[in-house]
Amino acid sequence: MNFINNTINGNCSKCASCCGSLLPLTDKDIKRIKYIVKAKKLKPCRPKIAATVEFDLICPFLTVNKKCSIYNERPTICRLFKCDKRGMVEENEQSELKGAIPYDMRDFFN
């Protein structure tokens, strides 16, 4: 398997390549994001690259400017993700994802 390093000198390039719609979420993540979607009456974002396709795997919280619309409330996996290390979560942080289940981020809008 080939690994694409999207960093610039080891730092996040803010390319948003890691922003997928299917993520492992903890119960706390789900409750927190459901609350913020309802409280702020958020609607799914449609980045320009996805505007012309019927189905995409881009996170619905990713804006057209490649910014996370729920950055302060983003899921644990997003907080821990290391784009310079094959997406691996450091061993000492893995316990934070204990019990996480695959969740489609679009389900927050159903």
C-alpha atoms as a PDB file:
ATOM      1  CA  MET A   1       0.000   0.000   0.000  1.00  0.00           C
ATOM      2  CA  ASN A   2       1.357   3.371  -0.994  1.00  0.00           C
ATOM      3  CA  PHE A   3       1.136   6.233   1.446  1.00  0.00           C
ATOM      4  CA  ILE A   4       0.681   9.791   0.241  1.00  0.00           C
ATOM      5  CA  ASN A   5       2.199  12.276   2.621  1.00  0.00           C
ATOM      6  CA  ASN A   6       0.089  15.416   2.317  1.00  0.00           C
ATOM      7  CA  THR A   7       2.173  17.396   4.769  1.00  0.00           C
ATOM      8  CA  ILE A   8       4.454  20.319   4.058  1.00  0.00           C
ATOM      9  CA  ASN A   9       7.701  19.834   5.971  1.00  0.00           C
ATOM     10  CA  GLY A  10       5.848  17.506   8.349  1.00  0.00           C
ATOM     11  CA  ASN A  11       3.054  19.977   9.066  1.00  0.00           C
ATOM     12  CA  CYS A  12      -0.571  19.741   8.012  1.00  0.00           C
ATOM     13  CA  SER A  13      -1.028  21.293   4.571  1.00  0.00           C
ATOM     14  CA  LYS A  14      -4.735  21.904   5.228  1.00  0.00           C
ATOM     15  CA  CYS A  15      -5.586  20.023   2.020  1.00  0.00           C
ATOM     16  CA  ALA A  16      -8.673  18.388   3.605  1.00  0.00           C
ATOM     17  CA  SER A  17      -7.833  15.008   2.064  1.00  0.00           C
ATOM     18  CA  CYS A  18      -8.496  13.414   5.440  1.00  0.00           C
ATOM     19  CA  CYS A  19     -12.055  14.802   5.697  1.00  0.00           C
ATOM     20  CA  GLY A  20     -14.174  11.755   4.908  1.00  0.00           C
ATOM     21  CA  SER A  21     -17.819  11.139   5.692  1.00  0.00           C
ATOM     22  CA  LEU A  22     -17.357   7.692   7.279  1.00  0.00           C
ATOM     23  CA  LEU A  23     -15.484   7.963  10.569  1.00  0.00           C
ATOM     24  CA  PRO A  24     -15.129   6.002  13.806  1.00  0.00           C
ATOM     25  CA  LEU A  25     -17.078   8.010  16.393  1.00  0.00           C
ATOM     26  CA  THR A  26     -17.443   7.576  20.109  1.00  0.00           C
ATOM     27  CA  ASP A  27     -20.803   7.946  21.852  1.00  0.00           C
ATOM     28  CA  LYS A  28     -19.598  11.306  23.204  1.00  0.00           C
ATOM     29  CA  ASP A  29     -18.722  12.460  19.671  1.00  0.00           C
ATOM     30  CA  ILE A  30     -22.176  11.530  18.384  1.00  0.00           C
ATOM     31  CA  LYS A  31     -24.018  13.251  21.240  1.00  0.00           C
ATOM     32  CA  ARG A  32     -21.860  16.394  20.985  1.00  0.00           C
ATOM     33  CA  ILE A  33     -22.236  16.720  17.211  1.00  0.00           C
ATOM     34  CA  LYS A  34     -25.983  16.007  17.264  1.00  0.00           C
ATOM     35  CA  TYR A  35     -26.359  18.758  19.843  1.00  0.00           C
ATOM     36  CA  ILE A  36     -24.331  21.307  17.859  1.00  0.00           C
ATOM     37  CA  VAL A  37     -26.138  20.510  14.581  1.00  0.00           C
ATOM     38  CA  LYS A  38     -29.496  21.054  16.270  1.00  0.00           C
ATOM     39  CA  ALA A  39     -28.461  24.084  18.341  1.00  0.00           C
ATOM     40  CA  LYS A  40     -26.869  25.898  15.389  1.00  0.00           C
ATOM     41  CA  LYS A  41     -29.365  24.551  12.835  1.00  0.00           C
ATOM     42  CA  LEU A  42     -26.483  23.451  10.632  1.00  0.00           C
ATOM     43  CA  LYS A  43     -27.003  22.229   7.096  1.00  0.00           C
ATOM     44  CA  PRO A  44     -24.571  19.976   5.230  1.00  0.00           C
ATOM     45  CA  CYS A  45     -21.875  21.775   3.274  1.00  0.00           C
ATOM     46  CA  ARG A  46     -21.196  20.873  -0.359  1.00  0.00           C
ATOM     47  CA  PRO A  47     -17.608  21.604  -1.367  1.00  0.00           C
ATOM     48  CA  LYS A  48     -17.191  22.648  -5.011  1.00  0.00           C
ATOM     49  CA  ILE A  49     -15.481  19.379  -5.884  1.00  0.00           C
ATOM     50  CA  ALA A  50     -18.585  17.480  -4.784  1.00  0.00           C
ATOM     51  CA  ALA A  51     -21.243  19.845  -6.095  1.00  0.00           C
ATOM     52  CA  THR A  52     -21.514  18.091  -9.439  1.00  0.00           C
ATOM     53  CA  VAL A  53     -21.471  14.496  -8.235  1.00  0.00           C
ATOM     54  CA  GLU A  54     -24.447  12.658  -6.847  1.00  0.00           C
ATOM     55  CA  PHE A  55     -22.513  10.615  -4.295  1.00  0.00           C
ATOM     56  CA  ASP A  56     -19.318  11.556  -2.546  1.00  0.00           C
ATOM     57  CA  LEU A  57     -17.411  10.568   0.564  1.00  0.00           C
ATOM     58  CA  ILE A  58     -16.470  14.078   1.657  1.00  0.00           C
ATOM     59  CA  CYS A  59     -17.410  15.129   5.177  1.00  0.00           C
ATOM     60  CA  PRO A  60     -20.588  17.240   5.094  1.00  0.00           C
ATOM     61  CA  PHE A  61     -19.015  19.594   7.632  1.00  0.00           C
ATOM     62  CA  LEU A  62     -16.238  20.586   5.209  1.00  0.00           C
ATOM     63  CA  THR A  63     -16.889  24.034   3.742  1.00  0.00           C
ATOM     64  CA  VAL A  64     -16.052  25.190   0.222  1.00  0.00           C
ATOM     65  CA  ASN A  65     -12.943  26.836   1.702  1.00  0.00           C
ATOM     66  CA  LYS A  66     -11.755  23.469   3.078  1.00  0.00           C
ATOM     67  CA  LYS A  67     -12.543  24.510   6.646  1.00  0.00           C
ATOM     68  CA  CYS A  68     -14.297  22.387   9.234  1.00  0.00           C
ATOM     69  CA  SER A  69     -17.621  23.984  10.156  1.00  0.00           C
ATOM     70  CA  ILE A  70     -17.599  22.155  13.512  1.00  0.00           C
ATOM     71  CA  TYR A  71     -13.875  22.483  14.215  1.00  0.00           C
ATOM     72  CA  ASN A  72     -14.273  23.146  17.957  1.00  0.00           C
ATOM     73  CA  GLU A  73     -16.660  20.186  18.252  1.00  0.00           C
ATOM     74  CA  ARG A  74     -14.958  17.899  15.706  1.00  0.00           C
ATOM     75  CA  PRO A  75     -14.784  14.150  16.398  1.00  0.00           C
ATOM     76  CA  THR A  76     -12.026  12.592  18.470  1.00  0.00           C
ATOM     77  CA  ILE A  77     -10.540  10.862  15.409  1.00  0.00           C
ATOM     78  CA  CYS A  78     -10.171  14.246  13.706  1.00  0.00           C
ATOM     79  CA  ARG A  79      -8.417  15.679  16.761  1.00  0.00           C
ATOM     80  CA  LEU A  80      -5.992  12.748  16.914  1.00  0.00           C
ATOM     81  CA  PHE A  81      -5.334  12.218  13.189  1.00  0.00           C
ATOM     82  CA  LYS A  82      -1.696  12.539  12.126  1.00  0.00           C
ATOM     83  CA  CYS A  83      -1.478  13.087   8.374  1.00  0.00           C
ATOM     84  CA  ASP A  84       2.277  12.567   8.393  1.00  0.00           C
ATOM     85  CA  LYS A  85       2.032   9.104   9.972  1.00  0.00           C
ATOM     86  CA  ARG A  86      -0.235   7.156   7.613  1.00  0.00           C
ATOM     87  CA  GLY A  87      -3.284   8.330   9.510  1.00  0.00           C
ATOM     88  CA  MET A  88      -2.193   6.417  12.545  1.00  0.00           C
ATOM     89  CA  VAL A  89      -3.284   7.433  15.996  1.00  0.00           C
ATOM     90  CA  GLU A  90      -0.436   7.406  18.479  1.00  0.00           C
ATOM     91  CA  GLU A  91      -0.490   4.387  20.829  1.00  0.00           C
ATOM     92  CA  ASN A  92      -0.921   6.561  23.916  1.00  0.00           C
ATOM     93  CA  GLU A  93      -4.047   8.135  22.332  1.00  0.00           C
ATOM     94  CA  GLN A  94      -5.797   4.963  21.140  1.00  0.00           C
ATOM     95  CA  SER A  95      -7.761   4.594  24.368  1.00  0.00           C
ATOM     96  CA  GLU A  96      -9.637   7.814  23.490  1.00  0.00           C
ATOM     97  CA  LEU A  97     -11.218   5.915  20.582  1.00  0.00           C
ATOM     98  CA  LYS A  98     -12.239   2.878  22.609  1.00  0.00           C
ATOM     99  CA  GLY A  99     -15.749   1.825  21.658  1.00  0.00           C
ATOM    100  CA  ALA A 100     -15.813   4.030  18.544  1.00  0.00           C
ATOM    101  CA  ILE A 101     -18.100   2.747  15.803  1.00  0.00           C
ATOM    102  CA  PRO A 102     -18.183   3.562  12.062  1.00  0.00           C
ATOM    103  CA  TYR A 103     -20.612   6.422  11.531  1.00  0.00           C
ATOM    104  CA  ASP A 104     -21.665   8.252   8.392  1.00  0.00           C
ATOM    105  CA  MET A 105     -21.341  11.959   9.107  1.00  0.00           C
ATOM    106  CA  ARG A 106     -24.292  12.617   6.758  1.00  0.00           C
ATOM    107  CA  ASP A 107     -26.570  10.826   9.242  1.00  0.00           C
ATOM    108  CA  PHE A 108     -26.416  13.932  11.439  1.00  0.00           C
ATOM    109  CA  PHE A 109     -28.723  15.604   8.926  1.00  0.00           C
ATOM    110  CA  ASN A 110     -31.387  12.878   8.662  1.00  0.00           C
END
